[in-house]
């Protein structure tokens, strides 16, 4: 019962944060959509990666030593994240837009569409996270319950 209330409260808090902050930070601050910069340099041979926009970080008043953090993770078309871990954090991810393919070590690959979600237990190794579309972006709301002060994402070293 307590777990259900906690999960429901976590989801509600995350959705409130997302509803306030789905627009890019610059757009929220100025009310204007930023213009993309142009470059005369050739595109990189590395595939695009995700970008993170922090929403809220707050110590949990009723759970000493724990912090609630939420962020929007944007995946441009064909973007993928480097394999990584989230330390001892409990992670909740909700697909706001697009389709994301994900795999935790030891589990099958799963595909999540807009409105779907997943959780990652503390210590999980996230070996695959990618936008399945070559044409459209994908966007996640990610919520962490972590030890206060812990780093939220640690990428695997390059091979």
N, C-alpha and C. Protein backbone atom coordinates (compact mmCIF):
# COMPACT_ATOMS: atom_id res chain seq x y z
N UNK A 1 0.82 -1.18 0.00
CA UNK A 1 0.00 0.00 0.00
C UNK A 1 0.87 1.26 0.00
N UNK A 2 1.90 1.25 0.86
CA UNK A 2 2.79 2.41 0.91
C UNK A 2 3.52 2.57 -0.42
N UNK A 3 3.95 1.46 -1.03
CA UNK A 3 4.63 1.54 -2.32
C UNK A 3 3.71 2.15 -3.38
N UNK A 4 2.45 1.75 -3.40
CA UNK A 4 1.50 2.28 -4.38
C UNK A 4 1.31 3.78 -4.18
N UNK A 5 1.19 4.21 -2.92
CA UNK A 5 1.04 5.65 -2.66
C UNK A 5 2.29 6.40 -3.07
N UNK A 6 3.48 5.84 -2.74
CA UNK A 6 4.73 6.49 -3.10
C UNK A 6 4.86 6.60 -4.62
N UNK A 7 4.60 5.51 -5.33
CA UNK A 7 4.70 5.52 -6.79
C UNK A 7 3.70 6.50 -7.39
N UNK A 8 2.47 6.52 -6.86
CA UNK A 8 1.46 7.46 -7.35
C UNK A 8 1.87 8.90 -7.11
N UNK A 9 2.41 9.16 -5.92
CA UNK A 9 2.88 10.51 -5.60
C UNK A 9 4.06 10.91 -6.47
N UNK A 10 4.96 9.97 -6.71
CA UNK A 10 6.12 10.22 -7.56
C UNK A 10 5.67 10.56 -8.98
N UNK A 11 4.74 9.79 -9.50
CA UNK A 11 4.23 10.04 -10.84
C UNK A 11 3.55 11.40 -10.90
N UNK A 12 2.73 11.71 -9.92
CA UNK A 12 2.04 12.99 -9.91
C UNK A 12 3.03 14.15 -9.86
N UNK A 13 4.04 14.05 -9.02
CA UNK A 13 5.04 15.12 -8.92
C UNK A 13 5.79 15.27 -10.24
N UNK A 14 6.13 14.16 -10.85
CA UNK A 14 6.84 14.21 -12.13
C UNK A 14 5.99 14.82 -13.22
N UNK A 15 4.73 14.49 -13.25
CA UNK A 15 3.84 15.03 -14.27
C UNK A 15 3.64 16.53 -14.09
N UNK A 16 3.54 16.98 -12.84
CA UNK A 16 3.43 18.42 -12.60
C UNK A 16 4.69 19.11 -13.10
N UNK A 17 5.85 18.56 -12.77
CA UNK A 17 7.10 19.16 -13.22
C UNK A 17 7.16 19.18 -14.74
N UNK A 18 6.72 18.12 -15.38
CA UNK A 18 6.76 18.05 -16.85
C UNK A 18 5.81 19.05 -17.47
N UNK A 19 4.64 19.22 -16.89
CA UNK A 19 3.67 20.13 -17.49
C UNK A 19 4.17 21.57 -17.45
N UNK A 20 4.98 21.88 -16.45
CA UNK A 20 5.53 23.22 -16.33
C UNK A 20 6.72 23.41 -17.25
N UNK A 21 7.43 22.33 -17.53
CA UNK A 21 8.74 22.49 -18.15
C UNK A 21 8.95 21.73 -19.44
N UNK A 22 7.94 21.40 -20.18
CA UNK A 22 8.14 20.68 -21.44
C UNK A 22 8.78 21.55 -22.51
N UNK A 23 8.64 22.86 -22.40
CA UNK A 23 9.28 23.74 -23.36
C UNK A 23 10.76 23.87 -23.03
N UNK A 24 11.60 24.12 -24.03
CA UNK A 24 13.03 24.32 -23.74
C UNK A 24 13.21 25.47 -22.76
N UNK A 25 14.31 25.42 -22.00
CA UNK A 25 14.57 26.41 -20.95
C UNK A 25 14.54 27.83 -21.49
N UNK A 26 15.20 28.09 -22.62
CA UNK A 26 15.25 29.44 -23.17
C UNK A 26 13.86 29.93 -23.55
N UNK A 27 13.04 29.04 -24.08
CA UNK A 27 11.68 29.40 -24.47
C UNK A 27 10.85 29.74 -23.24
N UNK A 28 10.98 28.94 -22.15
CA UNK A 28 10.24 29.22 -20.93
C UNK A 28 10.64 30.56 -20.34
N UNK A 29 11.95 30.86 -20.38
CA UNK A 29 12.45 32.08 -19.74
C UNK A 29 12.07 33.33 -20.53
N UNK A 30 12.08 33.26 -21.86
CA UNK A 30 11.87 34.45 -22.67
C UNK A 30 10.54 34.47 -23.39
N UNK A 31 9.89 33.31 -23.47
CA UNK A 31 8.65 33.22 -24.24
C UNK A 31 8.90 33.14 -25.73
N UNK A 32 10.17 33.08 -26.14
CA UNK A 32 10.53 33.01 -27.55
C UNK A 32 11.23 31.70 -27.84
N UNK A 33 11.04 31.21 -29.04
CA UNK A 33 11.72 30.00 -29.47
C UNK A 33 13.08 30.39 -30.03
N UNK A 34 14.19 29.80 -29.51
CA UNK A 34 15.51 30.17 -30.01
C UNK A 34 15.70 29.72 -31.45
N UNK A 35 16.50 30.47 -32.20
CA UNK A 35 16.82 30.14 -33.58
C UNK A 35 18.06 29.26 -33.59
N UNK A 36 18.02 28.18 -34.35
CA UNK A 36 19.16 27.26 -34.42
C UNK A 36 20.35 27.94 -35.06
N UNK A 37 21.52 27.66 -34.52
CA UNK A 37 22.76 28.20 -35.08
C UNK A 37 23.14 27.40 -36.32
N UNK A 38 23.82 28.06 -37.23
CA UNK A 38 24.29 27.36 -38.42
C UNK A 38 25.79 27.22 -38.34
N UNK A 39 26.31 26.21 -39.00
CA UNK A 39 27.74 25.96 -38.96
C UNK A 39 28.21 25.56 -40.34
N UNK A 40 29.42 26.00 -40.69
CA UNK A 40 29.98 25.63 -41.98
C UNK A 40 30.84 24.38 -41.86
N UNK A 41 30.95 23.83 -40.65
CA UNK A 41 31.77 22.64 -40.45
C UNK A 41 30.99 21.41 -40.86
N UNK A 42 31.69 20.37 -41.37
CA UNK A 42 30.99 19.14 -41.75
C UNK A 42 30.43 18.45 -40.52
N UNK A 43 29.34 17.69 -40.68
CA UNK A 43 28.78 17.00 -39.52
C UNK A 43 29.77 16.00 -38.93
N UNK A 44 29.67 15.78 -37.64
CA UNK A 44 30.54 14.85 -36.94
C UNK A 44 30.21 13.42 -37.35
N UNK A 45 31.20 12.54 -37.30
CA UNK A 45 30.96 11.15 -37.62
C UNK A 45 30.32 10.41 -36.44
N UNK A 46 30.35 11.03 -35.26
CA UNK A 46 29.70 10.44 -34.10
C UNK A 46 28.19 10.62 -34.20
N UNK A 47 27.43 9.61 -33.80
CA UNK A 47 25.97 9.78 -33.82
C UNK A 47 25.56 10.84 -32.80
N UNK A 48 24.41 11.47 -33.01
CA UNK A 48 23.97 12.48 -32.03
C UNK A 48 23.69 11.84 -30.69
N UNK A 49 23.78 12.66 -29.65
CA UNK A 49 23.55 12.19 -28.29
C UNK A 49 22.36 12.93 -27.69
N UNK A 50 21.97 12.54 -26.52
CA UNK A 50 20.86 13.17 -25.83
C UNK A 50 21.32 14.46 -25.15
N UNK A 51 20.36 15.33 -24.86
CA UNK A 51 20.63 16.52 -24.06
C UNK A 51 19.67 16.50 -22.87
N UNK A 52 20.12 17.06 -21.77
CA UNK A 52 19.35 17.02 -20.53
C UNK A 52 19.01 18.44 -20.09
N UNK A 53 17.74 18.64 -19.73
CA UNK A 53 17.28 19.92 -19.17
C UNK A 53 16.74 19.67 -17.78
N UNK A 54 17.47 20.10 -16.74
CA UNK A 54 17.00 19.89 -15.36
C UNK A 54 15.69 20.63 -15.11
N UNK A 55 14.82 20.01 -14.33
CA UNK A 55 13.54 20.63 -13.97
C UNK A 55 13.51 20.99 -12.49
N UNK A 56 13.73 19.99 -11.64
CA UNK A 56 13.58 20.20 -10.20
C UNK A 56 14.54 19.29 -9.46
N UNK A 57 15.17 19.85 -8.44
CA UNK A 57 15.98 19.05 -7.51
C UNK A 57 15.61 19.51 -6.12
N UNK A 58 15.15 18.56 -5.29
CA UNK A 58 14.70 18.93 -3.96
C UNK A 58 14.92 17.77 -3.00
N UNK A 59 15.48 18.10 -1.84
CA UNK A 59 15.62 17.09 -0.80
C UNK A 59 14.23 16.63 -0.38
N UNK A 60 14.09 15.34 -0.14
CA UNK A 60 12.81 14.81 0.33
C UNK A 60 12.69 15.11 1.82
N UNK A 61 11.71 15.90 2.22
CA UNK A 61 11.62 16.32 3.62
C UNK A 61 11.31 15.17 4.59
N UNK A 62 10.70 14.11 4.09
CA UNK A 62 10.32 13.00 4.97
C UNK A 62 11.22 11.78 4.82
N UNK A 63 12.29 11.89 4.01
CA UNK A 63 13.23 10.78 3.83
C UNK A 63 14.64 11.35 3.91
N UNK A 64 15.22 11.30 5.10
CA UNK A 64 16.53 11.90 5.33
C UNK A 64 17.58 11.31 4.38
N UNK A 65 18.37 12.21 3.76
CA UNK A 65 19.47 11.79 2.90
C UNK A 65 19.08 11.46 1.48
N UNK A 66 17.79 11.66 1.11
CA UNK A 66 17.33 11.35 -0.25
C UNK A 66 16.89 12.63 -0.95
N UNK A 67 17.11 12.67 -2.27
CA UNK A 67 16.75 13.81 -3.10
C UNK A 67 15.90 13.36 -4.28
N UNK A 68 14.89 14.16 -4.60
CA UNK A 68 14.04 13.98 -5.78
C UNK A 68 14.59 14.89 -6.85
N UNK A 69 14.88 14.34 -8.02
CA UNK A 69 15.36 15.13 -9.15
C UNK A 69 14.55 14.74 -10.38
N UNK A 70 14.15 15.75 -11.16
CA UNK A 70 13.47 15.46 -12.41
C UNK A 70 14.14 16.25 -13.52
N UNK A 71 14.11 15.67 -14.71
CA UNK A 71 14.71 16.32 -15.87
C UNK A 71 14.04 15.84 -17.15
N UNK A 72 14.15 16.66 -18.18
CA UNK A 72 13.69 16.28 -19.51
C UNK A 72 14.92 15.86 -20.29
N UNK A 73 14.85 14.69 -20.93
CA UNK A 73 15.95 14.20 -21.75
C UNK A 73 15.46 14.20 -23.19
N UNK A 74 16.13 15.00 -24.03
CA UNK A 74 15.77 15.12 -25.44
C UNK A 74 16.71 14.27 -26.29
N UNK A 75 16.12 13.49 -27.17
CA UNK A 75 16.88 12.67 -28.11
C UNK A 75 16.58 13.17 -29.53
N UNK A 76 17.53 13.83 -30.19
CA UNK A 76 17.31 14.19 -31.60
C UNK A 76 17.10 12.92 -32.43
N UNK A 77 16.66 13.07 -33.67
CA UNK A 77 16.52 11.88 -34.52
C UNK A 77 17.81 11.06 -34.54
N UNK A 78 17.66 9.75 -34.41
CA UNK A 78 18.77 8.78 -34.46
C UNK A 78 19.75 8.90 -33.30
N UNK A 79 19.44 9.66 -32.28
CA UNK A 79 20.36 9.84 -31.15
C UNK A 79 20.32 8.64 -30.22
N UNK A 80 21.45 8.44 -29.55
CA UNK A 80 21.53 7.38 -28.54
C UNK A 80 22.40 7.86 -27.40
N UNK A 81 22.17 7.26 -26.24
CA UNK A 81 22.97 7.58 -25.06
C UNK A 81 24.09 6.55 -24.94
N UNK A 82 25.20 6.97 -24.38
CA UNK A 82 26.30 6.07 -24.08
C UNK A 82 25.82 5.12 -22.97
N UNK A 83 26.21 3.86 -22.99
CA UNK A 83 25.85 2.98 -21.87
C UNK A 83 26.27 3.64 -20.55
N UNK A 84 25.44 3.49 -19.54
CA UNK A 84 25.67 4.22 -18.29
C UNK A 84 24.97 3.54 -17.12
N UNK A 85 25.24 4.10 -15.94
CA UNK A 85 24.59 3.68 -14.70
C UNK A 85 24.10 4.93 -13.97
N UNK A 86 23.16 4.73 -13.08
CA UNK A 86 22.64 5.83 -12.27
C UNK A 86 22.95 5.61 -10.79
N UNK A 87 24.07 4.93 -10.53
CA UNK A 87 24.49 4.72 -9.15
C UNK A 87 23.44 4.00 -8.33
N UNK A 88 23.18 4.53 -7.15
CA UNK A 88 22.21 3.92 -6.24
C UNK A 88 20.82 4.55 -6.38
N UNK A 89 20.61 5.33 -7.46
CA UNK A 89 19.32 6.00 -7.64
C UNK A 89 18.26 5.03 -8.17
N UNK A 90 17.02 5.25 -7.73
CA UNK A 90 15.86 4.61 -8.32
C UNK A 90 15.43 5.56 -9.43
N UNK A 91 15.18 5.02 -10.64
CA UNK A 91 14.89 5.85 -11.81
C UNK A 91 13.51 5.49 -12.37
N UNK A 92 12.75 6.52 -12.69
CA UNK A 92 11.47 6.38 -13.38
C UNK A 92 11.56 7.19 -14.67
N UNK A 93 11.23 6.59 -15.82
CA UNK A 93 11.27 7.28 -17.10
C UNK A 93 9.90 7.19 -17.77
N UNK A 94 9.44 8.31 -18.30
CA UNK A 94 8.14 8.42 -18.97
C UNK A 94 8.36 9.05 -20.34
N UNK A 95 7.86 8.41 -21.39
CA UNK A 95 8.04 8.91 -22.76
C UNK A 95 7.01 10.00 -23.02
N UNK A 96 7.49 11.23 -23.16
CA UNK A 96 6.64 12.37 -23.46
C UNK A 96 6.34 12.48 -24.95
N UNK A 97 7.32 12.06 -25.77
CA UNK A 97 7.22 12.25 -27.21
C UNK A 97 8.09 11.23 -27.91
N UNK A 98 7.63 10.69 -29.03
CA UNK A 98 8.44 9.79 -29.84
C UNK A 98 8.45 8.36 -29.32
N UNK A 99 9.47 7.62 -29.77
CA UNK A 99 9.65 6.21 -29.43
C UNK A 99 11.10 5.98 -29.05
N UNK A 100 11.31 5.28 -27.94
CA UNK A 100 12.65 5.02 -27.42
C UNK A 100 12.84 3.53 -27.24
N UNK A 101 13.99 3.04 -27.67
CA UNK A 101 14.36 1.63 -27.43
C UNK A 101 15.34 1.64 -26.26
N UNK A 102 15.13 0.69 -25.34
CA UNK A 102 15.92 0.67 -24.11
C UNK A 102 16.24 -0.76 -23.71
N UNK A 103 17.39 -0.93 -23.06
CA UNK A 103 17.74 -2.25 -22.52
C UNK A 103 18.62 -2.08 -21.30
N UNK A 104 18.23 -2.76 -20.24
CA UNK A 104 19.07 -2.88 -19.05
C UNK A 104 19.83 -4.18 -19.16
N UNK A 105 21.04 -4.23 -18.64
CA UNK A 105 21.88 -5.43 -18.69
C UNK A 105 21.11 -6.62 -18.13
N UNK A 106 21.13 -7.72 -18.89
CA UNK A 106 20.46 -8.93 -18.45
C UNK A 106 18.98 -8.99 -18.80
N UNK A 107 18.45 -7.96 -19.44
CA UNK A 107 17.04 -7.94 -19.83
C UNK A 107 16.92 -7.79 -21.34
N UNK A 108 15.77 -8.14 -21.91
CA UNK A 108 15.58 -7.97 -23.35
C UNK A 108 15.43 -6.50 -23.74
N UNK A 109 15.67 -6.21 -25.01
CA UNK A 109 15.42 -4.87 -25.54
C UNK A 109 13.92 -4.63 -25.52
N UNK A 110 13.55 -3.41 -25.09
CA UNK A 110 12.13 -3.04 -25.08
C UNK A 110 11.95 -1.72 -25.80
N UNK A 111 10.81 -1.55 -26.43
CA UNK A 111 10.49 -0.31 -27.13
C UNK A 111 9.34 0.37 -26.39
N UNK A 112 9.52 1.66 -26.12
CA UNK A 112 8.53 2.44 -25.38
C UNK A 112 8.06 3.60 -26.24
N UNK A 113 6.75 3.76 -26.32
CA UNK A 113 6.14 4.83 -27.10
C UNK A 113 5.56 5.90 -26.18
N UNK A 114 5.16 7.01 -26.79
CA UNK A 114 4.59 8.11 -26.03
C UNK A 114 3.53 7.59 -25.06
N UNK A 115 3.64 8.01 -23.80
CA UNK A 115 2.70 7.61 -22.77
C UNK A 115 3.11 6.37 -21.99
N UNK A 116 4.16 5.67 -22.44
CA UNK A 116 4.62 4.48 -21.73
C UNK A 116 5.78 4.85 -20.81
N UNK A 117 6.10 3.94 -19.88
CA UNK A 117 7.14 4.24 -18.89
C UNK A 117 7.84 2.98 -18.43
N UNK A 118 8.95 3.18 -17.72
CA UNK A 118 9.68 2.07 -17.12
C UNK A 118 10.40 2.57 -15.87
N UNK A 119 10.88 1.62 -15.08
CA UNK A 119 11.70 1.95 -13.91
C UNK A 119 13.02 1.20 -14.01
N UNK A 120 14.02 1.76 -13.35
CA UNK A 120 15.34 1.13 -13.27
C UNK A 120 15.70 1.03 -11.79
N UNK A 121 16.01 -0.17 -11.34
CA UNK A 121 16.38 -0.32 -9.93
C UNK A 121 17.77 0.27 -9.67
N UNK A 122 18.06 0.60 -8.43
CA UNK A 122 19.40 1.10 -8.08
C UNK A 122 20.47 0.12 -8.57
N UNK A 123 21.54 0.66 -9.14
CA UNK A 123 22.67 -0.14 -9.61
C UNK A 123 22.51 -0.72 -11.00
N UNK A 124 21.37 -0.52 -11.65
CA UNK A 124 21.15 -1.08 -13.00
C UNK A 124 22.16 -0.52 -14.00
N UNK A 125 22.54 -1.34 -14.95
CA UNK A 125 23.43 -0.93 -16.04
C UNK A 125 22.56 -0.73 -17.28
N UNK A 126 22.42 0.52 -17.71
CA UNK A 126 21.59 0.85 -18.86
C UNK A 126 22.47 0.78 -20.10
N UNK A 127 22.37 -0.32 -20.84
CA UNK A 127 23.29 -0.56 -21.95
C UNK A 127 22.78 -0.04 -23.30
N UNK A 128 21.49 0.29 -23.40
CA UNK A 128 20.94 0.82 -24.65
C UNK A 128 19.84 1.81 -24.34
N UNK A 129 19.94 2.99 -24.92
CA UNK A 129 18.86 3.98 -24.91
C UNK A 129 18.99 4.72 -26.23
N UNK A 130 17.97 4.61 -27.09
CA UNK A 130 18.08 5.27 -28.38
C UNK A 130 16.72 5.68 -28.92
N UNK A 131 16.72 6.77 -29.69
CA UNK A 131 15.54 7.21 -30.41
C UNK A 131 15.44 6.31 -31.64
N UNK A 132 14.31 5.66 -31.83
CA UNK A 132 14.17 4.73 -32.96
C UNK A 132 13.94 5.44 -34.28
N UNK A 133 13.58 6.71 -34.25
CA UNK A 133 13.26 7.45 -35.47
C UNK A 133 14.48 8.17 -36.03
N UNK A 134 14.60 8.15 -37.33
CA UNK A 134 15.64 8.92 -38.04
C UNK A 134 15.13 10.31 -38.44
N UNK A 135 13.82 10.54 -38.20
CA UNK A 135 13.19 11.78 -38.65
C UNK A 135 12.64 12.65 -37.51
N UNK A 136 12.19 12.02 -36.42
CA UNK A 136 11.52 12.76 -35.36
C UNK A 136 12.27 12.65 -34.03
N UNK A 137 12.20 13.70 -33.21
CA UNK A 137 12.84 13.64 -31.90
C UNK A 137 12.04 12.77 -30.93
N UNK A 138 12.67 12.41 -29.84
CA UNK A 138 12.01 11.72 -28.73
C UNK A 138 12.34 12.50 -27.46
N UNK A 139 11.44 12.43 -26.49
CA UNK A 139 11.62 13.20 -25.26
C UNK A 139 11.13 12.37 -24.08
N UNK A 140 11.95 12.33 -23.02
CA UNK A 140 11.61 11.61 -21.80
C UNK A 140 11.52 12.56 -20.62
N UNK A 141 10.64 12.26 -19.69
CA UNK A 141 10.68 12.83 -18.35
C UNK A 141 11.35 11.77 -17.50
N UNK A 142 12.44 12.12 -16.84
CA UNK A 142 13.15 11.15 -16.00
C UNK A 142 13.16 11.69 -14.58
N UNK A 143 12.79 10.82 -13.64
CA UNK A 143 12.75 11.17 -12.22
C UNK A 143 13.69 10.24 -11.47
N UNK A 144 14.49 10.83 -10.60
CA UNK A 144 15.45 10.08 -9.79
C UNK A 144 15.12 10.26 -8.31
N UNK A 145 15.21 9.19 -7.56
CA UNK A 145 15.25 9.27 -6.10
C UNK A 145 16.64 8.75 -5.75
N UNK A 146 17.49 9.66 -5.29
CA UNK A 146 18.90 9.32 -5.11
C UNK A 146 19.38 9.72 -3.72
N UNK A 147 20.57 9.23 -3.37
CA UNK A 147 21.23 9.71 -2.17
C UNK A 147 21.66 11.14 -2.44
N UNK A 148 21.37 12.02 -1.52
CA UNK A 148 21.72 13.43 -1.69
C UNK A 148 23.22 13.57 -1.98
N UNK A 149 23.53 14.30 -3.05
CA UNK A 149 24.92 14.54 -3.44
C UNK A 149 25.49 13.54 -4.43
N UNK A 150 24.82 12.42 -4.65
CA UNK A 150 25.33 11.43 -5.62
C UNK A 150 25.21 11.95 -7.05
N UNK A 151 26.15 11.55 -7.90
CA UNK A 151 26.08 11.86 -9.31
C UNK A 151 24.95 11.00 -9.91
N UNK A 152 24.13 11.60 -10.77
CA UNK A 152 22.95 10.92 -11.29
C UNK A 152 23.23 10.02 -12.49
N UNK A 153 24.27 10.31 -13.25
CA UNK A 153 24.58 9.50 -14.42
C UNK A 153 26.08 9.37 -14.57
N UNK A 154 26.54 8.13 -14.71
CA UNK A 154 27.96 7.87 -14.92
C UNK A 154 28.07 7.04 -16.18
N UNK A 155 28.63 7.66 -17.24
CA UNK A 155 28.80 6.95 -18.51
C UNK A 155 29.88 5.89 -18.39
N UNK A 156 29.71 4.79 -19.14
CA UNK A 156 30.76 3.79 -19.22
C UNK A 156 31.98 4.41 -19.88
N UNK A 157 33.18 3.96 -19.53
CA UNK A 157 34.38 4.49 -20.18
C UNK A 157 34.38 4.09 -21.66
N UNK A 158 34.98 4.92 -22.53
CA UNK A 158 35.05 4.57 -23.96
C UNK A 158 35.84 3.28 -24.15
N UNK A 159 35.46 2.53 -25.15
CA UNK A 159 36.16 1.26 -25.44
C UNK A 159 37.21 1.46 -26.48
